[in-house]
C-alpha atoms as a PDB file:
ATOM      1  CA  MET A   1      28.993  -2.802   5.909  1.00  0.00           C
ATOM      2  CA  ASP A   2      27.525  -3.432   9.350  1.00  0.00           C
ATOM      3  CA  HIS A   3      25.066  -6.355   9.292  1.00  0.00           C
ATOM      4  CA  ASN A   4      24.071  -6.296  12.964  1.00  0.00           C
ATOM      5  CA  LYS A   5      20.648  -4.833  12.165  1.00  0.00           C
ATOM      6  CA  PRO A   6      17.829  -7.372  11.849  1.00  0.00           C
ATOM      7  CA  TYR A   7      16.460  -5.650   8.705  1.00  0.00           C
ATOM      8  CA  ASP A   8      18.045  -3.610   5.988  1.00  0.00           C
ATOM      9  CA  ARG A   9      16.854  -0.094   5.260  1.00  0.00           C
ATOM     10  CA  ILE A  10      14.535  -1.006   2.392  1.00  0.00           C
ATOM     11  CA  GLU A  11      12.737  -3.618   4.494  1.00  0.00           C
ATOM     12  CA  ARG A  12      12.144  -1.028   7.220  1.00  0.00           C
ATOM     13  CA  VAL A  13      10.864   1.481   4.648  1.00  0.00           C
ATOM     14  CA  ASN A  14       8.561  -1.169   3.141  1.00  0.00           C
ATOM     15  CA  LYS A  15       7.104  -1.942   6.575  1.00  0.00           C
ATOM     16  CA  GLN A  16       6.661   1.733   7.439  1.00  0.00           C
ATOM     17  CA  ILE A  17       4.869   2.505   4.164  1.00  0.00           C
ATOM     18  CA  LEU A  18       2.643  -0.542   4.594  1.00  0.00           C
ATOM     19  CA  ASP A  19       1.640   0.687   8.066  1.00  0.00           C
ATOM     20  CA  ILE A  20       0.983   4.221   6.794  1.00  0.00           C
ATOM     21  CA  LEU A  21      -1.123   2.996   3.858  1.00  0.00           C
ATOM     22  CA  GLY A  22      -3.173   0.792   6.173  1.00  0.00           C
ATOM     23  CA  GLY A  23      -3.847   3.772   8.428  1.00  0.00           C
ATOM     24  CA  ILE A  24      -4.853   5.963   5.506  1.00  0.00           C
ATOM     25  CA  LEU A  25      -7.177   3.265   4.191  1.00  0.00           C
ATOM     26  CA  HIS A  26      -8.759   2.913   7.625  1.00  0.00           C
ATOM     27  CA  LYS A  27      -9.171   6.648   8.372  1.00  0.00           C
ATOM     28  CA  TYR A  28      -9.608   8.540   5.118  1.00  0.00           C
ATOM     29  CA  ILE A  29     -10.401   6.447   2.045  1.00  0.00           C
ATOM     30  CA  ASP A  30     -13.495   4.273   1.829  1.00  0.00           C
ATOM     31  CA  LEU A  31     -13.034   1.301  -0.483  1.00  0.00           C
ATOM     32  CA  SER A  32     -15.697  -0.837   1.183  1.00  0.00           C
ATOM     33  CA  TYR A  33     -17.744  -0.870  -2.030  1.00  0.00           C
ATOM     34  CA  LEU A  34     -14.978  -3.063  -3.519  1.00  0.00           C
ATOM     35  CA  GLY A  35     -15.025  -5.566  -0.659  1.00  0.00           C
ATOM     36  CA  PHE A  36     -12.712  -5.820   2.347  1.00  0.00           C
ATOM     37  CA  VAL A  37      -9.429  -4.377   1.018  1.00  0.00           C
ATOM     38  CA  THR A  38      -6.147  -5.042   2.831  1.00  0.00           C
ATOM     39  CA  PHE A  39      -2.654  -4.005   1.790  1.00  0.00           C
ATOM     40  CA  THR A  40      -0.406  -7.017   2.159  1.00  0.00           C
ATOM     41  CA  LYS A  41       3.051  -6.012   0.930  1.00  0.00           C
ATOM     42  CA  VAL A  42       5.052  -3.042  -0.328  1.00  0.00           C
ATOM     43  CA  ASN A  43       8.193  -3.236  -2.453  1.00  0.00           C
ATOM     44  CA  VAL A  44      10.087   0.050  -2.655  1.00  0.00           C
ATOM     45  CA  SER A  45      12.875   0.468  -5.197  1.00  0.00           C
ATOM     46  CA  ARG A  46      16.421   0.980  -3.877  1.00  0.00           C
ATOM     47  CA  ASP A  47      16.362   4.656  -4.931  1.00  0.00           C
ATOM     48  CA  LEU A  48      12.997   5.111  -3.100  1.00  0.00           C
ATOM     49  CA  ARG A  49      11.330   6.563  -6.199  1.00  0.00           C
ATOM     50  CA  MET A  50       8.874   3.779  -6.957  1.00  0.00           C
ATOM     51  CA  ALA A  51       6.785   1.441  -4.857  1.00  0.00           C
ATOM     52  CA  LYS A  52       4.648  -1.551  -5.754  1.00  0.00           C
ATOM     53  CA  VAL A  53       1.761  -2.082  -3.379  1.00  0.00           C
ATOM     54  CA  PHE A  54       0.131  -5.486  -3.155  1.00  0.00           C
ATOM     55  CA  TYR A  55      -3.350  -5.981  -1.785  1.00  0.00           C
ATOM     56  CA  SER A  56      -5.985  -8.611  -1.192  1.00  0.00           C
ATOM     57  CA  VAL A  57      -9.755  -8.284  -1.287  1.00  0.00           C
ATOM     58  CA  ILE A  58     -12.249 -10.462   0.571  1.00  0.00           C
ATOM     59  CA  ASN A  59     -15.838 -10.581  -0.714  1.00  0.00           C
ATOM     60  CA  GLN A  60     -14.843  -8.729  -3.856  1.00  0.00           C
ATOM     61  CA  SER A  61     -17.696  -7.191  -5.784  1.00  0.00           C
ATOM     62  CA  MET A  62     -16.002  -7.139  -9.217  1.00  0.00           C
ATOM     63  CA  THR A  63     -13.338  -8.822 -11.318  1.00  0.00           C
ATOM     64  CA  LYS A  64      -9.605  -8.510 -10.568  1.00  0.00           C
ATOM     65  CA  GLU A  65      -9.067  -6.221 -13.558  1.00  0.00           C
ATOM     66  CA  LEU A  66     -11.818  -3.826 -12.460  1.00  0.00           C
ATOM     67  CA  LEU A  67     -10.498  -3.902  -8.893  1.00  0.00           C
ATOM     68  CA  ASP A  68      -7.048  -2.845 -10.142  1.00  0.00           C
ATOM     69  CA  ILE A  69      -8.589   0.054 -12.054  1.00  0.00           C
ATOM     70  CA  GLU A  70     -10.723   1.190  -9.101  1.00  0.00           C
ATOM     71  CA  ILE A  71      -7.864   1.031  -6.604  1.00  0.00           C
ATOM     72  CA  ASN A  72      -5.505   2.844  -8.977  1.00  0.00           C
ATOM     73  CA  LYS A  73      -8.070   5.649  -9.235  1.00  0.00           C
ATOM     74  CA  HIS A  74      -7.273   6.385  -5.583  1.00  0.00           C
ATOM     75  CA  ARG A  75      -3.516   6.801  -6.048  1.00  0.00           C
ATOM     76  CA  LYS A  76      -3.650  10.599  -5.775  1.00  0.00           C
ATOM     77  CA  PRO A  77      -5.566  10.646  -2.470  1.00  0.00           C
ATOM     78  CA  PHE A  78      -3.128   8.099  -0.997  1.00  0.00           C
ATOM     79  CA  LYS A  79      -0.169  10.225  -2.116  1.00  0.00           C
ATOM     80  CA  LYS A  80      -1.837  13.332  -0.672  1.00  0.00           C
ATOM     81  CA  TYR A  81      -2.322  11.743   2.749  1.00  0.00           C
ATOM     82  CA  MET A  82       1.217  10.314   2.748  1.00  0.00           C
ATOM     83  CA  SER A  83       2.867  13.687   2.173  1.00  0.00           C
ATOM     84  CA  PRO A  84       3.855  15.673   5.286  1.00  0.00           C
END
């Protein structure tokens, strides 16, 4: 295996998805009622079927549990905007 690349494939995919999600959040989906939401990290599985998205919220307006529920309600719109 050639290890001359600075990142492996999964790291590049994680970075690309993080950038895309940030753009979608900025342009299309308004979560400002939750506070200032920022996606901080993405972990994609090796088979590229699943991804865990980590986020942080500044000036949050509700508890962590309610924030998780509210953000997960927007999974479909994020998937829609990520598809070609």
